Amino acid sequence: MLAALLADPNPLLTMGAVLVVGVLSGALAKRFHLPSVTGQILVGILLGSSVLDVFPSGSLSGLKPLTGFALGLMAVAVGSHLNVARLRPARKRLGYLLLFEALITPALVVGLVAWLPQVSLPVALMLGTLAVSTAPATILAIVGETRSRGVFVKTLVAGVALNNLACIVLFELAHTGALAALAAADSGGGASMAQVLLAPLETVGVAALLGVGAGVLLVALTKHVVRTSRLTTASLITILLTAGLAEQLGTSTLLSCLILGVVLANLTPDKEEIGHSVFENFESAIFAVFFTLAGLKVELGHMATAGAAALLMFSGRLVGKLAAGWMGMKLGGGTKRLRSWMGMALVPQAGLAVGLMLLVTEEKAFPEEVRNLFLAVVLTVVTLNEIVGPVLTRVALARSGDLGKDRARLIDFLHEENIVTRFEADSKEEAIRKLADVLEASNSLRMDREAFLEAVLAREAAASTCLGEGLAIPNAMVPELPTLVGAMGISRDGLPFETPDGHPVHCMVLLAIPADQMGRHLEVLTALARAATSDRGVQQQLYHAKSPAHAYEVLHAEESEDFNSFLED
């Protein structure tokens, strides 16, 4: 009966049926300890035209605007993780990750598929650059579903945003170069460098201008708006118009919306009511529809056509991701957990890959056999990556230690960007002033800095805040702050100033306390004191932390739950 109802395309009925199927299959997958994304894609394949044909391809055409809007929302969400101030400690490892993603993965894929007789070099280059992409929607869905949070998640999501940006630029170069080579072959001439570079640069430039313009406009319009309903409306309109204009102008919807998210993250870092947050309450429904539709669109018949090219691209991409993740984190100073599991977490691939694939398959300048081969290879690889990838990402999140950590903890205010290792100062006052700079920069605070410093130093003059065993916690009240904030400085050799117990200070935490959070302030003091004195292992790891990421892992590891407890517990 369901098949009979869906035989006549009705977008609302189709969307409702897809949503029900997606929600149920996602819940069933979780019962088997699999990501819901995997269950939704698999049931989509089962109910699609290749197997049971419950949802004919004609019934899905009316949902194209919904999937486009969903991609735009997800791109804004990914871009919102590229806050420059927050990512400051991660810039080295993100830079190396981006470099190796853009070099190793496409090189391996091109090297493997180019020797096949049916794959020309221009097609191999397009497949190689397409392999760089990672599915932002899948990553966000799994991170949210597993309630993961920490340095690994921050690096992963920012890395996904950057490698998708690189994928768009590289693919446009390969795509334009292929068209130029084809045109040159038809005319008997050669493809000029201007032909190869101008079109992709124009695409990236238009997308960037559109995203920046939309972001600045939204910030300006909502500068003095406080009502949540109006902020939500303005955000939805902006995202919808950005996605629609990008499609109308023939530029990248994903890139435009990603840059919109970046602009919002940096111009309004503390205003979470605009941008991607507008779909927070119904994101599970969006993900369910999006991934079930992705499965429904898979044609299993293409897998037979793809053959060796798809298997070689899948294998080359997998090895490339693993190698780029390990090398990027190694040279970028990442911790052992980051080095070991980052590449595995980057395997999922959909969304952007499918969108860029359509540029080739709908481009009539390419011969029909090229378009069919490209469609078969990319759809097969994306299907494999979306079945295997989510499982690997979930495993990586679990092994990284970030899985299940998206719950409020007592020392949550100390993020990676609030921590400085190899901290140096010749006096207590200099140390406090340096930490005040970190506090102000990493939290985008609007407070009277000098008045705060005077209050901290006056408190120190009255009674030392050195708690012994190498720990000092200078602090002062700042009535205008909405929440408690802090900055941590770690010195392996110890800071050379006098302390009551004669031990040098290895860890100094500067706290700015709101007037209404004195109770939490006392709990934080107790927790930090326990971290430094009750467990010598934790103390030594913290005092000898090699990087802010390492220190964050020490404070948020399973062993730290005795002092850095979950507030809901």
Protein backbone atom coordinates (compact mmCIF):
# COMPACT_ATOMS: atom_id res chain seq x y z
CA MET A 1 0.00 0.00 0.00
CA LEU A 2 2.86 2.36 0.81
CA ALA A 3 4.37 1.75 -2.61
CA ALA A 4 1.01 2.52 -4.25
CA LEU A 5 0.70 5.78 -2.32
CA LEU A 6 4.23 6.81 -3.26
CA ALA A 7 3.80 5.93 -6.94
CA ASP A 8 2.20 9.36 -7.46
CA PRO A 9 4.91 11.86 -6.40
CA ASN A 10 3.69 13.95 -3.46
CA PRO A 11 6.59 15.81 -1.80
CA LEU A 12 4.91 16.20 1.60
CA LEU A 13 3.84 12.55 1.80
CA THR A 14 7.24 11.40 0.56
CA MET A 15 9.07 13.55 3.10
CA GLY A 16 6.88 12.25 5.92
CA ALA A 17 7.42 8.64 4.89
CA VAL A 18 11.18 9.16 4.50
CA LEU A 19 11.33 10.80 7.93
CA VAL A 20 9.52 7.88 9.59
CA VAL A 21 11.77 5.33 7.87
CA GLY A 22 14.89 7.34 8.74
CA VAL A 23 14.04 7.76 12.41
CA LEU A 24 13.13 4.07 12.85
CA SER A 25 16.19 2.77 10.98
CA GLY A 26 18.45 5.11 12.95
CA ALA A 27 17.02 3.85 16.23
CA LEU A 28 17.40 0.24 15.08
CA ALA A 29 21.04 0.82 14.12
CA LYS A 30 21.78 2.20 17.57
CA ARG A 31 20.35 -0.98 19.10
CA PHE A 32 23.15 -2.84 17.30
CA HIS A 33 25.73 -0.25 18.46
CA LEU A 34 26.05 1.26 14.98
CA PRO A 35 25.77 4.96 14.08
CA SER A 36 22.22 5.91 13.07
CA VAL A 37 23.67 7.32 9.83
CA THR A 38 24.72 3.85 8.72
CA GLY A 39 21.26 2.41 9.39
CA GLN A 40 19.57 5.24 7.48
CA ILE A 41 21.78 4.81 4.40
CA LEU A 42 21.37 1.04 4.37
CA VAL A 43 17.57 1.16 4.67
CA GLY A 44 17.54 3.81 1.95
CA ILE A 45 19.42 1.45 -0.37
CA LEU A 46 17.01 -1.38 0.55
CA LEU A 47 13.87 0.68 -0.18
CA GLY A 48 15.30 2.39 -3.27
CA SER A 49 14.92 1.52 -6.92
CA SER A 50 17.80 -0.98 -6.86
CA VAL A 51 16.11 -3.40 -4.42
CA LEU A 52 12.46 -3.07 -3.28
CA ASP A 53 11.63 0.11 -5.25
CA VAL A 54 9.27 1.36 -2.50
CA PHE A 55 10.28 4.95 -3.28
CA PRO A 56 10.42 5.44 -7.08
CA SER A 57 13.00 7.96 -8.25
CA GLY A 58 10.23 10.28 -9.44
CA SER A 59 8.83 10.61 -5.93
CA LEU A 60 12.16 11.99 -4.67
CA SER A 61 12.57 14.83 -7.15
CA GLY A 62 10.33 17.17 -5.15
CA LEU A 63 12.65 16.93 -2.13
CA LYS A 64 15.65 18.47 -3.88
CA PRO A 65 15.12 21.93 -2.26
CA LEU A 66 15.00 20.30 1.19
CA THR A 67 18.30 18.48 0.67
CA GLY A 68 19.90 21.65 -0.68
CA PHE A 69 18.75 23.62 2.34
CA ALA A 70 19.94 20.85 4.68
CA LEU A 71 23.39 20.94 3.08
CA GLY A 72 23.47 24.72 3.55
CA LEU A 73 22.58 24.42 7.23
CA MET A 74 25.20 21.76 7.79
CA ALA A 75 27.85 23.83 6.01
CA VAL A 76 27.07 26.81 8.27
CA ALA A 77 27.41 24.51 11.28
CA VAL A 78 30.82 23.27 10.11
CA GLY A 79 32.02 26.80 9.33
CA SER A 80 30.98 27.95 12.79
CA HIS A 81 33.77 25.76 14.21
CA LEU A 82 36.43 27.90 12.50
CA ASN A 83 36.73 30.56 15.18
CA VAL A 84 40.22 32.03 14.79
CA ALA A 85 40.74 32.80 18.49
CA ARG A 86 39.51 29.39 19.63
CA LEU A 87 41.61 27.52 17.07
CA ARG A 88 44.79 29.48 17.80
CA PRO A 89 46.49 26.58 19.67
CA ALA A 90 45.43 24.15 16.91
CA ARG A 91 46.61 26.17 13.91
CA LYS A 92 49.84 24.22 13.44
CA ARG A 93 48.25 20.76 13.41
CA LEU A 94 45.33 21.99 11.28
CA GLY A 95 47.76 23.54 8.81
CA TYR A 96 49.73 20.31 8.43
CA LEU A 97 46.52 18.26 8.22
CA LEU A 98 45.24 20.49 5.42
CA LEU A 99 48.58 20.29 3.59
CA PHE A 100 48.80 16.49 3.69
CA GLU A 101 45.10 16.04 2.91
CA ALA A 102 45.55 18.17 -0.20
CA LEU A 103 48.70 16.31 -1.30
CA ILE A 104 48.72 12.68 -0.16
CA THR A 105 45.08 11.64 -0.72
CA PRO A 106 44.71 12.92 -4.32
CA ALA A 107 48.21 11.71 -5.24
CA LEU A 108 47.44 8.15 -4.11
CA VAL A 109 44.05 8.06 -5.85
CA VAL A 110 45.39 9.50 -9.11
CA GLY A 111 48.38 7.18 -9.00
CA LEU A 112 46.15 4.12 -8.59
CA VAL A 113 43.33 4.84 -11.06
CA ALA A 114 45.25 6.62 -13.85
CA TRP A 115 46.84 3.38 -15.12
CA LEU A 116 43.42 1.85 -15.87
CA PRO A 117 42.74 2.00 -19.63
CA GLN A 118 39.19 3.32 -19.21
CA VAL A 119 40.28 6.24 -16.95
CA SER A 120 41.94 9.20 -18.67
CA LEU A 121 44.29 11.51 -16.76
CA PRO A 122 41.77 14.40 -16.53
CA VAL A 123 39.16 12.01 -15.08
CA ALA A 124 41.75 10.59 -12.66
CA LEU A 125 42.61 14.12 -11.49
CA MET A 126 38.94 14.91 -10.84
CA LEU A 127 38.52 11.66 -8.89
CA GLY A 128 41.68 12.38 -6.89
CA THR A 129 40.65 15.88 -5.86
CA LEU A 130 37.13 14.68 -5.04
CA ALA A 131 38.66 12.14 -2.63
CA VAL A 132 39.83 14.99 -0.36
CA SER A 133 36.29 15.75 0.81
CA THR A 134 34.84 14.51 4.10
CA ALA A 135 31.10 14.46 4.81
CA PRO A 136 30.39 17.33 7.26
CA ALA A 137 26.82 16.18 7.84
CA THR A 138 27.94 12.67 8.81
CA ILE A 139 30.64 13.96 11.16
CA LEU A 140 28.28 16.41 12.87
CA ALA A 141 25.58 13.76 13.19
CA ILE A 142 27.92 11.24 14.84
CA VAL A 143 29.52 13.84 17.13
CA GLY A 144 26.07 14.96 18.28
CA GLU A 145 24.69 11.45 18.61
CA THR A 146 27.65 10.26 20.70
CA ARG A 147 27.74 13.48 22.78
CA SER A 148 31.43 13.88 22.02
CA ARG A 149 33.50 16.92 22.93
CA GLY A 150 37.15 17.79 23.39
CA VAL A 151 40.36 18.62 21.55
CA PHE A 152 39.90 15.70 19.15
CA VAL A 153 36.39 16.81 18.17
CA LYS A 154 37.48 20.44 17.80
CA THR A 155 40.35 19.43 15.51
CA LEU A 156 38.17 16.98 13.57
CA VAL A 157 35.34 19.41 12.78
CA ALA A 158 37.71 22.26 11.92
CA GLY A 159 39.73 19.86 9.77
CA VAL A 160 36.59 18.79 7.90
CA ALA A 161 35.74 22.42 7.14
CA LEU A 162 39.25 23.11 5.85
CA ASN A 163 39.59 19.95 3.74
CA ASN A 164 36.20 20.60 2.10
CA LEU A 165 37.41 24.09 1.29
CA ALA A 166 40.55 22.58 -0.26
CA CYS A 167 38.48 19.98 -2.11
CA ILE A 168 36.33 22.64 -3.76
CA VAL A 169 39.35 24.64 -4.94
CA LEU A 170 41.31 21.59 -6.17
CA PHE A 171 38.29 20.02 -7.87
CA GLU A 172 37.44 23.25 -9.66
CA LEU A 173 41.01 23.37 -10.96
CA ALA A 174 40.84 19.74 -12.16
CA HIS A 175 37.32 20.16 -13.59
CA THR A 176 38.15 23.36 -15.46
CA GLY A 177 41.42 21.86 -16.68
CA ALA A 178 39.57 18.81 -18.02
CA LEU A 179 37.08 21.02 -19.89
CA ALA A 180 39.89 23.19 -21.27
CA ALA A 181 41.81 20.10 -22.42
CA LEU A 182 38.67 18.72 -24.07
CA ALA A 183 37.99 22.02 -25.85
CA ALA A 184 41.61 22.26 -26.93
CA ALA A 185 41.50 18.70 -28.32
CA ASP A 186 38.37 19.53 -30.32
CA SER A 187 39.93 22.69 -31.73
CA GLY A 188 43.38 21.24 -32.19
CA GLY A 189 44.97 23.81 -29.86
CA GLY A 190 46.37 23.74 -26.30
CA ALA A 191 44.70 24.68 -23.05
CA SER A 192 46.01 27.96 -21.65
CA MET A 193 46.83 28.49 -17.98
CA ALA A 194 44.23 31.26 -17.87
CA GLN A 195 41.55 28.82 -18.97
CA VAL A 196 42.56 26.35 -16.27
CA LEU A 197 42.74 28.88 -13.41
CA LEU A 198 40.18 31.57 -14.13
CA ALA A 199 36.96 29.58 -13.78
CA PRO A 200 37.74 27.94 -10.40
CA LEU A 201 39.09 31.19 -8.97
CA GLU A 202 35.91 32.92 -10.10
CA THR A 203 33.77 30.22 -8.45
CA VAL A 204 35.67 30.44 -5.17
CA GLY A 205 35.70 34.25 -5.26
CA VAL A 206 31.96 34.57 -5.88
CA ALA A 207 31.18 32.02 -3.14
CA ALA A 208 33.46 33.82 -0.69
CA LEU A 209 31.95 37.23 -1.41
CA LEU A 210 28.44 35.82 -1.08
CA GLY A 211 29.20 34.13 2.26
CA VAL A 212 31.00 37.15 3.71
CA GLY A 213 28.29 39.55 2.55
CA ALA A 214 25.49 37.40 3.98
CA GLY A 215 27.33 37.02 7.31
CA VAL A 216 28.07 40.72 7.72
CA LEU A 217 24.49 41.60 6.79
CA LEU A 218 23.03 39.12 9.30
CA VAL A 219 25.28 40.43 12.09
CA ALA A 220 24.34 44.03 11.28
CA LEU A 221 20.60 43.27 11.18
CA THR A 222 20.63 41.38 14.47
CA LYS A 223 23.05 43.62 16.38
CA HIS A 224 20.36 45.07 18.60
CA VAL A 225 17.85 42.20 18.39
CA VAL A 226 17.41 40.08 21.51
CA ARG A 227 14.16 38.19 20.87
CA THR A 228 14.98 34.60 19.95
CA SER A 229 12.11 34.29 17.47
CA ARG A 230 13.37 37.24 15.44
CA LEU A 231 16.95 35.98 15.51
CA THR A 232 15.77 32.57 14.31
CA THR A 233 13.74 34.10 11.48
CA ALA A 234 16.63 36.29 10.34
CA SER A 235 19.00 33.31 10.39
CA LEU A 236 16.70 31.06 8.37
CA ILE A 237 16.15 33.78 5.77
CA THR A 238 19.89 34.44 5.48
CA ILE A 239 20.83 30.77 5.09
CA LEU A 240 18.04 30.15 2.60
CA LEU A 241 18.94 33.20 0.48
CA THR A 242 22.66 32.36 0.59
CA ALA A 243 22.04 28.81 -0.60
CA GLY A 244 19.54 29.94 -3.22
CA LEU A 245 21.73 32.74 -4.60
CA ALA A 246 24.73 30.43 -4.77
CA GLU A 247 22.79 27.93 -6.84
CA GLN A 248 21.35 30.68 -9.04
CA LEU A 249 24.81 32.17 -9.66
CA GLY A 250 26.29 28.76 -10.43
CA THR A 251 28.75 28.87 -7.57
CA SER A 252 29.28 26.48 -4.64
CA THR A 253 26.38 26.42 -2.16
CA LEU A 254 28.47 24.49 0.33
CA LEU A 255 31.40 26.93 0.17
CA SER A 256 29.12 30.00 0.43
CA CYS A 257 27.34 28.65 3.49
CA LEU A 258 30.59 27.41 5.04
CA ILE A 259 32.06 30.92 4.79
CA LEU A 260 28.82 32.35 6.22
CA GLY A 261 29.37 30.14 9.26
CA VAL A 262 33.01 31.27 9.56
CA VAL A 263 31.96 34.94 9.49
CA LEU A 264 29.32 34.40 12.18
CA ALA A 265 31.76 32.44 14.37
CA ASN A 266 34.30 35.27 14.32
CA LEU A 267 32.07 38.36 14.36
CA THR A 268 29.59 37.08 16.96
CA PRO A 269 31.41 34.30 18.87
CA ASP A 270 29.13 34.58 21.91
CA LYS A 271 25.81 34.94 20.07
CA GLU A 272 24.70 31.34 19.50
CA GLU A 273 21.10 32.26 18.66
CA ILE A 274 21.98 33.04 15.04
CA GLY A 275 23.35 30.79 12.33
CA HIS A 276 23.33 26.99 12.54
CA SER A 277 21.81 26.94 16.04
CA VAL A 278 18.37 27.66 14.59
CA PHE A 279 17.98 23.97 13.62
CA GLU A 280 19.25 22.56 16.92
CA ASN A 281 15.82 21.31 18.01
CA PHE A 282 15.09 19.48 14.77
CA GLU A 283 18.56 18.53 13.51
CA SER A 284 17.90 14.82 14.10
CA ALA A 285 14.92 15.02 11.74
CA ILE A 286 17.01 16.80 9.09
CA PHE A 287 19.78 14.21 9.36
CA ALA A 288 17.26 11.34 9.17
CA VAL A 289 15.72 12.67 5.94
CA PHE A 290 19.07 13.63 4.40
CA PHE A 291 20.85 10.30 4.93
CA THR A 292 17.84 8.15 4.05
CA LEU A 293 17.52 10.09 0.80
CA ALA A 294 21.24 9.54 0.15
CA GLY A 295 20.64 5.79 0.38
CA LEU A 296 17.51 5.94 -1.77
CA LYS A 297 19.47 7.60 -4.58
CA VAL A 298 22.10 4.86 -4.72
CA GLU A 299 21.91 2.67 -7.83
CA LEU A 300 23.53 -0.69 -7.08
CA GLY A 301 23.82 -1.31 -10.80
CA HIS A 302 26.49 1.40 -10.96
CA MET A 303 28.75 -0.66 -8.70
CA ALA A 304 29.20 -3.32 -11.38
CA THR A 305 30.12 -0.64 -13.93
CA ALA A 306 32.57 1.06 -11.54
CA GLY A 307 34.58 -2.11 -11.00
CA ALA A 308 38.28 -1.78 -10.33
CA ALA A 309 38.32 2.03 -10.55
CA ALA A 310 35.97 2.35 -7.56
CA LEU A 311 37.90 -0.18 -5.46
CA LEU A 312 41.20 1.54 -6.23
CA MET A 313 39.77 4.99 -5.43
CA PHE A 314 38.26 3.70 -2.17
CA SER A 315 41.53 2.04 -1.13
CA GLY A 316 43.70 5.00 -2.12
CA ARG A 317 41.44 7.46 -0.31
CA LEU A 318 41.38 5.33 2.86
CA VAL A 319 45.17 5.00 2.97
CA GLY A 320 45.55 8.69 2.13
CA LYS A 321 43.23 9.78 4.96
CA LEU A 322 45.03 7.56 7.49
CA ALA A 323 48.46 8.80 6.38
CA ALA A 324 47.45 12.48 6.24
CA GLY A 325 45.83 12.28 9.69
CA TRP A 326 48.90 10.67 11.28
CA MET A 327 51.47 12.91 9.59
CA GLY A 328 49.47 16.10 10.11
CA MET A 329 49.03 15.46 13.82
CA LYS A 330 52.64 14.23 14.24
CA LEU A 331 54.28 17.27 12.65
CA GLY A 332 51.65 19.60 14.16
CA GLY A 333 52.52 18.52 17.71
CA GLY A 334 49.30 16.59 18.30
CA THR A 335 48.98 14.13 21.16
CA LYS A 336 49.18 10.36 20.68
CA ARG A 337 45.38 10.07 20.54
CA LEU A 338 45.18 12.71 17.83
CA ARG A 339 47.90 11.01 15.80
CA SER A 340 46.41 7.55 16.12
CA TRP A 341 42.76 8.21 15.32
CA MET A 342 42.35 11.44 13.31
CA GLY A 343 42.72 9.81 9.88
CA MET A 344 40.15 7.13 10.70
CA ALA A 345 37.59 9.76 11.72
CA LEU A 346 37.87 11.50 8.32
CA VAL A 347 36.67 8.55 6.19
CA PRO A 348 32.91 9.41 5.74
CA GLN A 349 32.18 10.99 2.37
CA ALA A 350 28.91 12.39 1.01
CA GLY A 351 27.24 15.73 0.45
CA LEU A 352 30.02 17.70 -1.21
CA ALA A 353 31.27 14.67 -3.17
CA VAL A 354 27.81 14.03 -4.60
CA GLY A 355 27.30 17.72 -5.39
CA LEU A 356 30.62 17.99 -7.26
CA MET A 357 29.91 14.69 -9.02
CA LEU A 358 26.75 16.23 -10.48
CA LEU A 359 28.85 19.01 -12.04
CA VAL A 360 30.56 16.37 -14.17
CA THR A 361 27.59 14.09 -14.89
CA GLU A 362 25.44 17.06 -15.96
CA GLU A 363 28.21 18.63 -18.05
CA LYS A 364 27.28 17.82 -21.67
CA ALA A 365 30.77 18.73 -22.90
CA PHE A 366 32.05 15.44 -21.49
CA PRO A 367 31.41 12.32 -23.60
CA GLU A 368 28.59 10.11 -22.32
CA GLU A 369 30.93 7.24 -21.44
CA VAL A 370 33.02 9.61 -19.26
CA ARG A 371 29.93 10.87 -17.45
CA ASN A 372 28.61 7.35 -16.84
CA LEU A 373 31.97 6.11 -15.59
CA PHE A 374 32.39 9.10 -13.27
CA LEU A 375 28.86 8.63 -11.88
CA ALA A 376 29.41 4.91 -11.29
CA VAL A 377 32.80 5.30 -9.59
CA VAL A 378 31.88 8.20 -7.32
CA LEU A 379 28.51 6.77 -6.24
CA THR A 380 30.11 3.42 -5.43
CA VAL A 381 32.92 5.00 -3.42
CA VAL A 382 30.56 7.36 -1.58
CA THR A 383 28.25 4.45 -0.73
CA LEU A 384 31.14 2.38 0.66
CA ASN A 385 32.51 5.34 2.63
CA GLU A 386 29.10 6.17 4.09
CA ILE A 387 28.59 2.59 5.24
CA VAL A 388 32.10 1.96 6.57
CA GLY A 389 33.04 5.55 7.48
CA PRO A 390 30.51 6.27 10.26
CA VAL A 391 31.56 3.10 12.09
CA LEU A 392 35.23 4.11 11.86
CA THR A 393 34.44 7.64 13.04
CA ARG A 394 32.56 6.33 16.05
CA VAL A 395 35.47 4.02 16.92
CA ALA A 396 37.91 6.95 16.56
CA LEU A 397 35.81 9.15 18.87
CA ALA A 398 35.69 6.39 21.47
CA ARG A 399 39.44 5.70 21.32
CA SER A 400 40.24 9.43 21.40
CA GLY A 401 38.50 9.76 24.78
CA ASP A 402 36.06 12.45 23.59
CA LEU A 403 33.02 10.18 23.27
CA GLY A 404 30.31 10.97 25.84
CA LYS A 405 32.11 14.08 27.13
CA ASP A 406 29.57 16.66 25.89
CA ARG A 407 28.24 17.15 29.39
CA ALA A 408 28.89 20.05 31.71
CA ARG A 409 31.93 19.51 33.94
CA LEU A 410 33.31 21.49 36.83
CA ILE A 411 36.46 22.68 35.01
CA ASP A 412 34.83 23.08 31.60
CA PHE A 413 35.93 26.71 31.36
CA LEU A 414 39.53 25.58 30.76
CA HIS A 415 39.63 24.80 27.04
CA GLU A 416 42.76 24.25 24.96
CA GLU A 417 42.84 27.93 23.96
CA ASN A 418 42.80 28.96 27.65
CA ILE A 419 45.98 26.99 28.44
CA VAL A 420 49.61 28.02 27.92
CA THR A 421 52.46 25.51 28.28
CA ARG A 422 56.14 26.48 28.61
CA PHE A 423 54.84 29.43 30.61
CA GLU A 424 57.50 31.89 31.78
CA ALA A 425 57.48 34.95 34.05
CA ASP A 426 60.06 36.60 36.32
CA SER A 427 57.56 37.70 38.96
CA LYS A 428 54.09 36.88 40.22
CA GLU A 429 52.72 40.17 38.86
CA GLU A 430 54.15 39.47 35.40
CA ALA A 431 52.65 35.97 35.43
CA ILE A 432 49.22 37.33 36.37
CA ARG A 433 49.37 39.99 33.66
CA LYS A 434 50.34 37.42 31.01
CA LEU A 435 47.46 35.15 32.02
CA ALA A 436 45.10 38.13 31.94
CA ASP A 437 46.09 38.64 28.30
CA VAL A 438 45.26 34.99 27.55
CA LEU A 439 41.99 35.28 29.48
CA GLU A 440 40.89 38.34 27.54
CA ALA A 441 41.94 37.04 24.12
CA SER A 442 40.53 33.52 24.41
CA ASN A 443 37.17 34.49 25.92
CA SER A 444 36.37 37.70 23.97
CA LEU A 445 35.71 39.42 27.28
CA ARG A 446 34.27 42.89 27.69
CA MET A 447 35.59 43.95 31.08
CA ASP A 448 37.80 46.59 32.67
CA ARG A 449 41.13 44.76 32.46
CA GLU A 450 43.09 47.15 34.67
CA ALA A 451 40.43 47.13 37.37
CA PHE A 452 40.46 43.33 37.29
CA LEU A 453 44.26 43.23 37.60
CA GLU A 454 44.21 45.67 40.49
CA ALA A 455 41.68 43.49 42.30
CA VAL A 456 43.75 40.33 41.71
CA LEU A 457 47.00 41.95 42.87
CA ALA A 458 45.31 43.48 45.92
CA ARG A 459 44.06 40.04 46.91
CA GLU A 460 47.56 38.62 46.46
CA ALA A 461 49.03 41.36 48.65
CA ALA A 462 46.54 40.51 51.40
CA ALA A 463 47.03 36.74 51.25
CA SER A 464 48.89 34.49 48.81
CA THR A 465 46.75 32.26 46.58
CA CYS A 466 49.55 29.70 46.28
CA LEU A 467 47.91 26.51 47.56
CA GLY A 468 51.13 24.51 47.77
CA GLU A 469 52.48 21.57 45.76
CA GLY A 470 53.21 23.93 42.84
CA LEU A 471 49.66 25.30 42.38
CA ALA A 472 48.54 28.94 42.52
CA ILE A 473 45.03 30.25 41.78
CA PRO A 474 44.93 34.08 41.76
CA ASN A 475 41.39 35.37 41.32
CA ALA A 476 39.05 38.32 41.63
CA MET A 477 35.37 39.10 41.23
CA VAL A 478 34.09 40.69 38.00
CA PRO A 479 30.38 41.47 38.52
CA GLU A 480 29.63 42.11 34.83
CA LEU A 481 30.71 38.63 33.68
CA PRO A 482 27.92 36.14 32.82
CA THR A 483 29.98 33.07 33.73
CA LEU A 484 33.22 32.01 35.38
CA VAL A 485 36.27 32.09 33.08
CA GLY A 486 39.92 31.26 33.57
CA ALA A 487 43.36 30.84 32.01
CA MET A 488 46.05 28.33 32.95
CA GLY A 489 49.83 28.67 32.67
CA ILE A 490 52.04 25.57 33.06
CA SER A 491 55.77 25.78 33.75
CA ARG A 492 57.75 22.54 33.72
CA ASP A 493 60.70 24.08 35.63
CA GLY A 494 58.57 26.23 37.95
CA LEU A 495 58.09 29.98 38.19
CA PRO A 496 60.86 31.69 40.20
CA PHE A 497 59.00 33.60 42.91
CA GLU A 498 58.42 33.06 46.60
CA THR A 499 55.67 30.74 47.83
CA PRO A 500 54.50 29.88 51.36
CA ASP A 501 55.69 26.25 51.16
CA GLY A 502 58.91 27.02 49.27
CA HIS A 503 57.90 24.96 46.21
CA PRO A 504 58.05 26.70 42.82
CA VAL A 505 54.73 27.24 41.04
CA HIS A 506 54.28 24.83 38.15
CA CYS A 507 50.61 25.59 37.47
CA MET A 508 48.92 28.98 37.80
CA VAL A 509 45.21 29.40 37.09
CA LEU A 510 43.80 32.93 36.87
CA LEU A 511 40.05 33.10 37.56
CA ALA A 512 37.53 35.87 36.85
CA ILE A 513 34.45 35.19 38.97
CA PRO A 514 30.91 36.56 38.46
CA ALA A 515 29.24 37.91 41.58
CA ASP A 516 26.56 35.20 41.55
CA GLN A 517 28.95 32.22 41.20
CA MET A 518 30.96 32.31 44.41
CA GLY A 519 29.74 28.81 45.27
CA ARG A 520 31.05 27.35 42.03
CA HIS A 521 34.29 29.28 42.54
CA LEU A 522 34.91 27.40 45.78
CA GLU A 523 34.13 24.07 44.07
CA VAL A 524 36.62 24.90 41.29
CA LEU A 525 39.32 25.80 43.81
CA THR A 526 38.76 22.48 45.59
CA ALA A 527 38.83 20.52 42.31
CA LEU A 528 42.06 22.13 41.11
CA ALA A 529 43.68 21.57 44.50
CA ARG A 530 42.72 17.88 44.36
CA ALA A 531 44.09 17.61 40.82
CA ALA A 532 47.45 18.96 41.97
CA THR A 533 47.77 17.18 45.32
CA SER A 534 45.64 14.03 45.59
CA ASP A 535 47.02 12.08 42.60
CA ARG A 536 50.75 12.33 41.93
CA GLY A 537 50.29 10.75 38.50
CA VAL A 538 47.81 13.42 37.39
CA GLN A 539 50.00 16.13 38.93
CA GLN A 540 53.10 15.01 37.04
CA GLN A 541 51.23 14.68 33.76
CA LEU A 542 49.74 18.16 34.17
CA TYR A 543 52.95 19.87 35.27
CA HIS A 544 54.88 18.25 32.40
CA ALA A 545 52.22 18.69 29.69
CA LYS A 546 53.89 19.14 26.30
CA SER A 547 51.08 21.20 24.78
CA PRO A 548 47.74 22.82 25.66
CA ALA A 549 46.01 19.83 24.01
CA HIS A 550 47.95 17.45 26.26
CA ALA A 551 47.01 19.47 29.37
CA TYR A 552 43.35 19.48 28.31
CA GLU A 553 43.41 15.70 27.90
CA VAL A 554 44.84 15.33 31.43
CA LEU A 555 42.07 17.51 32.90
CA HIS A 556 39.31 15.68 30.99
CA ALA A 557 40.54 12.08 31.01
CA GLU A 558 38.63 9.28 32.74
CA GLU A 559 41.10 9.45 35.63
CA SER A 560 40.15 13.10 36.21
CA GLU A 561 36.49 12.42 36.98
CA ASP A 562 37.31 12.23 40.70
CA PHE A 563 37.99 15.99 40.71
CA ASN A 564 36.60 17.26 37.37
CA SER A 565 33.17 15.76 37.87
CA PHE A 566 30.16 15.90 35.56
CA LEU A 567 27.75 18.46 37.02
CA GLU A 568 24.67 16.36 36.21
CA ASP A 569 26.13 13.56 38.37
